[in-house]
PDB file of N, CA and C in Angstrom:
ATOM      1  N   MET A   1     -28.370 -43.656   7.190  1.00  0.00           N
ATOM      2  CA  MET A   1     -27.308 -43.563   6.014  1.00  0.00           C
ATOM      3  C   MET A   1     -27.472 -42.720   5.323  1.00  0.00           C
ATOM      4  N   LYS A   2     -28.480 -42.322   4.725  1.00  0.00           N
ATOM      5  CA  LYS A   2     -28.907 -41.453   3.301  1.00  0.00           C
ATOM      6  C   LYS A   2     -28.620 -40.182   3.919  1.00  0.00           C
ATOM      7  N   HIS A   3     -29.479 -39.890   5.051  1.00  0.00           N
ATOM      8  CA  HIS A   3     -29.606 -38.778   5.676  1.00  0.00           C
ATOM      9  C   HIS A   3     -28.150 -38.310   5.820  1.00  0.00           C
ATOM     10  N   LYS A   4     -27.087 -38.982   6.327  1.00  0.00           N
ATOM     11  CA  LYS A   4     -25.802 -38.369   6.717  1.00  0.00           C
ATOM     12  C   LYS A   4     -24.839 -38.436   5.473  1.00  0.00           C
ATOM     13  N   LEU A   5     -25.012 -39.265   4.689  1.00  0.00           N
ATOM     14  CA  LEU A   5     -24.122 -38.556   3.077  1.00  0.00           C
ATOM     15  C   LEU A   5     -25.303 -37.890   2.533  1.00  0.00           C
ATOM     16  N   ALA A   6     -26.361 -37.275   2.800  1.00  0.00           N
ATOM     17  CA  ALA A   6     -26.796 -36.150   1.876  1.00  0.00           C
ATOM     18  C   ALA A   6     -26.092 -34.696   3.097  1.00  0.00           C
ATOM     19  N   VAL A   7     -25.884 -34.655   4.313  1.00  0.00           N
ATOM     20  CA  VAL A   7     -25.407 -33.997   5.025  1.00  0.00           C
ATOM     21  C   VAL A   7     -24.070 -33.733   4.525  1.00  0.00           C
ATOM     22  N   LEU A   8     -23.240 -34.591   4.479  1.00  0.00           N
ATOM     23  CA  LEU A   8     -22.052 -34.552   3.641  1.00  0.00           C
ATOM     24  C   LEU A   8     -21.820 -33.923   2.510  1.00  0.00           C
ATOM     25  N   LEU A   9     -22.614 -34.459   1.522  1.00  0.00           N
ATOM     26  CA  LEU A   9     -22.649 -33.640   0.152  1.00  0.00           C
ATOM     27  C   LEU A   9     -22.643 -31.858   0.441  1.00  0.00           C
ATOM     28  N   ALA A  10     -23.789 -31.996   0.927  1.00  0.00           N
ATOM     29  CA  ALA A  10     -24.206 -30.498   1.226  1.00  0.00           C
ATOM     30  C   ALA A  10     -23.119 -29.761   2.343  1.00  0.00           C
ATOM     31  N   ALA A  11     -22.611 -29.937   3.113  1.00  0.00           N
ATOM     32  CA  ALA A  11     -21.336 -29.471   3.577  1.00  0.00           C
ATOM     33  C   ALA A  11     -20.274 -29.221   2.400  1.00  0.00           C
ATOM     34  N   LEU A  12     -20.060 -30.283   1.914  1.00  0.00           N
ATOM     35  CA  LEU A  12     -18.950 -30.332   0.677  1.00  0.00           C
ATOM     36  C   LEU A  12     -19.067 -29.003  -0.544  1.00  0.00           C
ATOM     37  N   LEU A  13     -20.793 -29.517  -0.637  1.00  0.00           N
ATOM     38  CA  LEU A  13     -21.176 -28.132  -1.789  1.00  0.00           C
ATOM     39  C   LEU A  13     -20.751 -26.575  -1.418  1.00  0.00           C
ATOM     40  N   CYS A  14     -20.881 -26.679  -0.019  1.00  0.00           N
ATOM     41  CA  CYS A  14     -21.010 -25.448   0.792  1.00  0.00           C
ATOM     42  C   CYS A  14     -19.758 -24.852   1.181  1.00  0.00           C
ATOM     43  N   ALA A  15     -18.650 -25.959   1.285  1.00  0.00           N
ATOM     44  CA  ALA A  15     -17.233 -25.620   1.205  1.00  0.00           C
ATOM     45  C   ALA A  15     -16.926 -25.283  -0.228  1.00  0.00           C
ATOM     46  N   GLY A  16     -17.128 -25.914  -0.962  1.00  0.00           N
ATOM     47  CA  GLY A  16     -16.454 -25.803  -2.618  1.00  0.00           C
ATOM     48  C   GLY A  16     -17.025 -24.139  -2.912  1.00  0.00           C
ATOM     49  N   ALA A  17     -18.208 -23.872  -2.520  1.00  0.00           N
ATOM     50  CA  ALA A  17     -18.657 -22.416  -3.099  1.00  0.00           C
ATOM     51  C   ALA A  17     -17.859 -21.783  -2.454  1.00  0.00           C
ATOM     52  N   LEU A  18     -17.440 -21.628  -1.021  1.00  0.00           N
ATOM     53  CA  LEU A  18     -16.891 -20.471  -0.570  1.00  0.00           C
ATOM     54  C   LEU A  18     -15.442 -20.290  -0.703  1.00  0.00           C
ATOM     55  N   ALA A  19     -14.741 -21.415  -1.594  1.00  0.00           N
ATOM     56  CA  ALA A  19     -13.301 -21.652  -1.728  1.00  0.00           C
ATOM     57  C   ALA A  19     -12.963 -20.604  -2.984  1.00  0.00           C
ATOM     58  N   PRO A  20     -13.759 -20.362  -4.003  1.00  0.00           N
ATOM     59  CA  PRO A  20     -13.401 -19.180  -4.949  1.00  0.00           C
ATOM     60  C   PRO A  20     -13.172 -18.160  -4.079  1.00  0.00           C
ATOM     61  N   MET A  21     -13.806 -17.285  -3.042  1.00  0.00           N
ATOM     62  CA  MET A  21     -14.056 -16.320  -2.571  1.00  0.00           C
ATOM     63  C   MET A  21     -12.628 -16.169  -1.609  1.00  0.00           C
ATOM     64  N   THR A  22     -12.396 -16.999  -1.007  1.00  0.00           N
ATOM     65  CA  THR A  22     -11.642 -16.961   0.176  1.00  0.00           C
ATOM     66  C   THR A  22      -9.912 -17.703  -0.646  1.00  0.00           C
ATOM     67  N   SER A  23      -9.929 -17.447  -1.932  1.00  0.00           N
ATOM     68  CA  SER A  23      -8.627 -17.661  -2.582  1.00  0.00           C
ATOM     69  C   SER A  23      -7.987 -16.489  -3.302  1.00  0.00           C
ATOM     70  N   GLN A  24      -8.729 -15.433  -3.320  1.00  0.00           N
ATOM     71  CA  GLN A  24      -8.743 -13.988  -3.915  1.00  0.00           C
ATOM     72  C   GLN A  24      -7.759 -13.588  -2.737  1.00  0.00           C
ATOM     73  N   ALA A  25      -6.617 -13.265  -2.923  1.00  0.00           N
ATOM     74  CA  ALA A  25      -5.573 -12.265  -1.923  1.00  0.00           C
ATOM     75  C   ALA A  25      -6.010 -10.935  -2.312  1.00  0.00           C
ATOM     76  N   ILE A  26      -5.466 -10.200  -1.074  1.00  0.00           N
ATOM     77  CA  ILE A  26      -5.379  -8.751  -1.541  1.00  0.00           C
ATOM     78  C   ILE A  26      -3.794  -8.618  -1.626  1.00  0.00           C
ATOM     79  N   GLY A  27      -3.192  -7.679  -2.460  1.00  0.00           N
ATOM     80  CA  GLY A  27      -2.111  -7.109  -2.824  1.00  0.00           C
ATOM     81  C   GLY A  27      -2.004  -5.884  -1.901  1.00  0.00           C
ATOM     82  N   ILE A  28      -0.565  -6.001  -1.015  1.00  0.00           N
ATOM     83  CA  ILE A  28      -0.017  -4.933  -0.427  1.00  0.00           C
ATOM     84  C   ILE A  28       1.495  -4.619  -0.861  1.00  0.00           C
ATOM     85  N   ASN A  29       1.444  -3.154  -0.720  1.00  0.00           N
ATOM     86  CA  ASN A  29       3.197  -3.176  -1.377  1.00  0.00           C
ATOM     87  C   ASN A  29       3.791  -1.859  -0.140  1.00  0.00           C
ATOM     88  N   ILE A  30       5.053  -2.133   0.220  1.00  0.00           N
ATOM     89  CA  ILE A  30       5.451  -1.666   1.140  1.00  0.00           C
ATOM     90  C   ILE A  30       6.773  -1.189   0.724  1.00  0.00           C
ATOM     91  N   GLU A  31       6.687   0.302   0.917  1.00  0.00           N
ATOM     92  CA  GLU A  31       7.893   0.540   0.515  1.00  0.00           C
ATOM     93  C   GLU A  31       8.723   1.615   1.603  1.00  0.00           C
ATOM     94  N   ILE A  32      10.089   0.881   1.977  1.00  0.00           N
ATOM     95  CA  ILE A  32      10.789   1.330   3.368  1.00  0.00           C
ATOM     96  C   ILE A  32      11.538   2.429   2.862  1.00  0.00           C
ATOM     97  N   GLY A  33      11.492   3.210   3.653  1.00  0.00           N
ATOM     98  CA  GLY A  33      12.345   4.207   3.788  1.00  0.00           C
ATOM     99  C   GLY A  33      11.869   5.590   2.315  1.00  0.00           C
ATOM    100  N   ASP A  34      12.872   6.316   2.641  1.00  0.00           N
ATOM    101  CA  ASP A  34      12.270   7.490   1.366  1.00  0.00           C
ATOM    102  C   ASP A  34      14.295   8.107   0.896  1.00  0.00           C
ATOM    103  N   ARG A  35      14.338   8.223  -0.176  1.00  0.00           N
ATOM    104  CA  ARG A  35      15.745   8.616  -0.989  1.00  0.00           C
ATOM    105  C   ARG A  35      15.978  10.013  -0.037  1.00  0.00           C
ATOM    106  N   GLY A  36      16.726   9.959   1.383  1.00  0.00           N
ATOM    107  CA  GLY A  36      16.747  11.145   2.221  1.00  0.00           C
ATOM    108  C   GLY A  36      17.771  11.913   1.632  1.00  0.00           C
ATOM    109  N   TYR A  37      17.791  13.227   1.079  1.00  0.00           N
ATOM    110  CA  TYR A  37      19.060  14.386   0.881  1.00  0.00           C
ATOM    111  C   TYR A  37      19.421  14.133  -0.437  1.00  0.00           C
ATOM    112  N   TYR A  38      18.744  13.348  -1.013  1.00  0.00           N
ATOM    113  CA  TYR A  38      19.402  12.997  -2.369  1.00  0.00           C
ATOM    114  C   TYR A  38      20.924  13.488  -2.863  1.00  0.00           C
ATOM    115  N   ASN A  39      20.838  14.189  -3.554  1.00  0.00           N
ATOM    116  CA  ASN A  39      22.755  14.786  -3.518  1.00  0.00           C
ATOM    117  C   ASN A  39      23.047  15.785  -2.836  1.00  0.00           C
ATOM    118  N   HIS A  40      22.004  16.570  -2.560  1.00  0.00           N
ATOM    119  CA  HIS A  40      22.670  17.980  -1.553  1.00  0.00           C
ATOM    120  C   HIS A  40      22.640  18.246  -0.720  1.00  0.00           C
ATOM    121  N   GLY A  41      22.104  17.393   0.127  1.00  0.00           N
ATOM    122  CA  GLY A  41      21.987  17.617   2.159  1.00  0.00           C
ATOM    123  C   GLY A  41      20.951  18.065   2.222  1.00  0.00           C
ATOM    124  N   ALA A  42      20.444  18.246   3.854  1.00  0.00           N
ATOM    125  CA  ALA A  42      19.348  18.996   3.830  1.00  0.00           C
ATOM    126  C   ALA A  42      18.837  20.317   3.162  1.00  0.00           C
ATOM    127  N   TRP A  43      20.062  21.175   2.480  1.00  0.00           N
ATOM    128  CA  TRP A  43      19.853  22.336   1.867  1.00  0.00           C
ATOM    129  C   TRP A  43      20.739  22.909   0.743  1.00  0.00           C
ATOM    130  N   TYR A  44      20.278  23.730  -0.234  1.00  0.00           N
ATOM    131  CA  TYR A  44      21.470  23.958  -0.981  1.00  0.00           C
ATOM    132  C   TYR A  44      20.889  25.316  -1.462  1.00  0.00           C
ATOM    133  N   TYR A  45      21.849  25.851  -2.071  1.00  0.00           N
ATOM    134  CA  TYR A  45      21.407  27.353  -3.025  1.00  0.00           C
ATOM    135  C   TYR A  45      21.722  26.865  -4.529  1.00  0.00           C
ATOM    136  N   ASN A  46      20.522  27.618  -5.086  1.00  0.00           N
ATOM    137  CA  ASN A  46      20.097  27.634  -6.794  1.00  0.00           C
ATOM    138  C   ASN A  46      19.736  28.429  -7.100  1.00  0.00           C
ATOM    139  N   ASN A  47      20.333  29.029  -8.294  1.00  0.00           N
ATOM    140  CA  ASN A  47      19.885  30.069  -8.682  1.00  0.00           C
ATOM    141  C   ASN A  47      19.395  31.305  -7.654  1.00  0.00           C
ATOM    142  N   GLY A  48      20.042  31.747  -6.598  1.00  0.00           N
ATOM    143  CA  GLY A  48      19.180  32.543  -5.403  1.00  0.00           C
ATOM    144  C   GLY A  48      18.827  31.877  -4.817  1.00  0.00           C
ATOM    145  N   ALA A  49      18.017  30.923  -4.911  1.00  0.00           N
ATOM    146  CA  ALA A  49      16.868  30.474  -4.128  1.00  0.00           C
ATOM    147  C   ALA A  49      17.869  29.083  -2.886  1.00  0.00           C
ATOM    148  N   ARG A  50      17.109  29.251  -1.827  1.00  0.00           N
ATOM    149  CA  ARG A  50      17.587  28.127  -0.793  1.00  0.00           C
ATOM    150  C   ARG A  50      16.503  27.100  -0.749  1.00  0.00           C
ATOM    151  N   TRP A  51      16.977  26.109  -1.457  1.00  0.00           N
ATOM    152  CA  TRP A  51      16.046  24.924  -1.439  1.00  0.00           C
ATOM    153  C   TRP A  51      16.153  24.053  -0.244  1.00  0.00           C
ATOM    154  N   PHE A  52      14.914  23.570   0.326  1.00  0.00           N
ATOM    155  CA  PHE A  52      15.311  22.768   1.178  1.00  0.00           C
ATOM    156  C   PHE A  52      14.587  21.343   1.341  1.00  0.00           C
ATOM    157  N   TRP A  53      14.894  20.228   1.987  1.00  0.00           N
ATOM    158  CA  TRP A  53      14.438  18.641   1.973  1.00  0.00           C
ATOM    159  C   TRP A  53      13.454  19.023   2.341  1.00  0.00           C
ATOM    160  N   ILE A  54      12.269  18.515   1.759  1.00  0.00           N
ATOM    161  CA  ILE A  54      11.312  17.856   2.403  1.00  0.00           C
ATOM    162  C   ILE A  54      10.702  16.820   2.659  1.00  0.00           C
ATOM    163  N   PRO A  55      10.631  15.886   3.702  1.00  0.00           N
ATOM    164  CA  PRO A  55      10.774  14.370   3.833  1.00  0.00           C
ATOM    165  C   PRO A  55       9.558  14.362   3.840  1.00  0.00           C
ATOM    166  N   GLY A  56       9.632  12.817   3.171  1.00  0.00           N
ATOM    167  CA  GLY A  56       8.535  12.351   2.370  1.00  0.00           C
ATOM    168  C   GLY A  56       7.251  11.740   3.786  1.00  0.00           C
ATOM    169  N   HIS A  57       6.005  11.901   3.629  1.00  0.00           N
ATOM    170  CA  HIS A  57       4.927  11.643   4.080  1.00  0.00           C
ATOM    171  C   HIS A  57       3.497  10.957   3.688  1.00  0.00           C
ATOM    172  N   TRP A  58       2.686  11.173   4.805  1.00  0.00           N
ATOM    173  CA  TRP A  58       1.531  10.133   3.945  1.00  0.00           C
ATOM    174  C   TRP A  58       0.479  10.774   3.589  1.00  0.00           C
ATOM    175  N   GLY A  59      -0.057  11.444   2.669  1.00  0.00           N
ATOM    176  CA  GLY A  59      -1.224  12.052   2.107  1.00  0.00           C
ATOM    177  C   GLY A  59      -2.505  11.365   1.431  1.00  0.00           C
ATOM    178  N   TRP A  60      -3.762  12.226   1.482  1.00  0.00           N
ATOM    179  CA  TRP A  60      -5.120  11.481   1.387  1.00  0.00           C
ATOM    180  C   TRP A  60      -5.471  11.904  -0.147  1.00  0.00           C
ATOM    181  N   ARG A  61      -5.920  11.424  -1.141  1.00  0.00           N
ATOM    182  CA  ARG A  61      -6.270  11.899  -2.350  1.00  0.00           C
ATOM    183  C   ARG A  61      -7.458  10.767  -2.746  1.00  0.00           C
ATOM    184  N   HIS A  62      -8.588  11.403  -3.342  1.00  0.00           N
ATOM    185  CA  HIS A  62      -9.467  10.648  -3.384  1.00  0.00           C
ATOM    186  C   HIS A  62     -10.193   9.653  -2.522  1.00  0.00           C
ATOM    187  N   GLY A  63     -10.006   9.870  -1.209  1.00  0.00           N
ATOM    188  CA  GLY A  63     -10.361   9.305  -0.158  1.00  0.00           C
ATOM    189  C   GLY A  63      -9.855   8.094   0.029  1.00  0.00           C
ATOM    190  N   HIS A  64      -8.342   7.829  -0.225  1.00  0.00           N
ATOM    191  CA  HIS A  64      -7.499   6.736  -0.156  1.00  0.00           C
ATOM    192  C   HIS A  64      -6.102   7.710   0.573  1.00  0.00           C
ATOM    193  N   ARG A  65      -5.347   6.984   1.483  1.00  0.00           N
ATOM    194  CA  ARG A  65      -3.982   7.189   1.566  1.00  0.00           C
ATOM    195  C   ARG A  65      -2.695   7.068   0.873  1.00  0.00           C
ATOM    196  N   PHE A  66      -2.063   7.964   0.502  1.00  0.00           N
ATOM    197  CA  PHE A  66      -0.679   6.982  -0.350  1.00  0.00           C
ATOM    198  C   PHE A  66       0.697   8.253   0.535  1.00  0.00           C
ATOM    199  N   TRP A  67       1.726   7.522  -0.156  1.00  0.00           N
ATOM    200  CA  TRP A  67       2.961   8.208   0.262  1.00  0.00           C
ATOM    201  C   TRP A  67       3.470   8.842  -0.736  1.00  0.00           C
ATOM    202  N   ILE A  68       3.521  10.128  -0.216  1.00  0.00           N
ATOM    203  CA  ILE A  68       4.337  11.425  -1.014  1.00  0.00           C
ATOM    204  C   ILE A  68       5.969  11.489  -0.556  1.00  0.00           C
ATOM    205  N   HIS A  69       6.669  11.166  -1.908  1.00  0.00           N
ATOM    206  CA  HIS A  69       8.242  11.179  -1.594  1.00  0.00           C
ATOM    207  C   HIS A  69       8.739  12.027  -1.377  1.00  0.00           C
ATOM    208  N   GLY A  70      10.013  12.107  -0.806  1.00  0.00           N
ATOM    209  CA  GLY A  70      10.912  13.705  -0.088  1.00  0.00           C
ATOM    210  C   GLY A  70      10.996  14.037  -1.311  1.00  0.00           C
ATOM    211  N   HIS A  71      11.179  15.295  -1.623  1.00  0.00           N
ATOM    212  CA  HIS A  71      11.742  16.195  -2.591  1.00  0.00           C
ATOM    213  C   HIS A  71      12.135  17.905  -2.090  1.00  0.00           C
ATOM    214  N   TYR A  72      12.761  18.402  -2.718  1.00  0.00           N
ATOM    215  CA  TYR A  72      13.360  20.078  -2.352  1.00  0.00           C
ATOM    216  C   TYR A  72      12.266  20.951  -3.025  1.00  0.00           C
ATOM    217  N   ALA A  73      12.116  21.570  -2.241  1.00  0.00           N
ATOM    218  CA  ALA A  73      11.582  22.897  -2.490  1.00  0.00           C
ATOM    219  C   ALA A  73      12.239  24.207  -2.083  1.00  0.00           C
ATOM    220  N   PRO A  74      11.794  25.556  -2.678  1.00  0.00           N
ATOM    221  CA  PRO A  74      12.531  26.893  -2.338  1.00  0.00           C
ATOM    222  C   PRO A  74      11.413  27.071  -1.177  1.00  0.00           C
ATOM    223  N   ARG A  75      12.158  27.982  -0.275  1.00  0.00           N
ATOM    224  CA  ARG A  75      11.465  28.764   1.081  1.00  0.00           C
ATOM    225  C   ARG A  75      11.863  30.257   0.831  1.00  0.00           C
TER     226      ARG A  75
END
């Protein structure tokens, strides 16, 4: 009887030691879509330059992937 109680107590202690590790959650943020074309459409003229919409895409920085939002750029 004492042996079974000791095993049960040991199992509870091990489960209690693991509980703080399993309760830590990982946060994940997901953004859906990109503000397409903002106000001008696929392209527009500004001060003699034609600005084109560059859609959002995934990039790498410091070994981590991150989302680069769409923006206008001259070509």
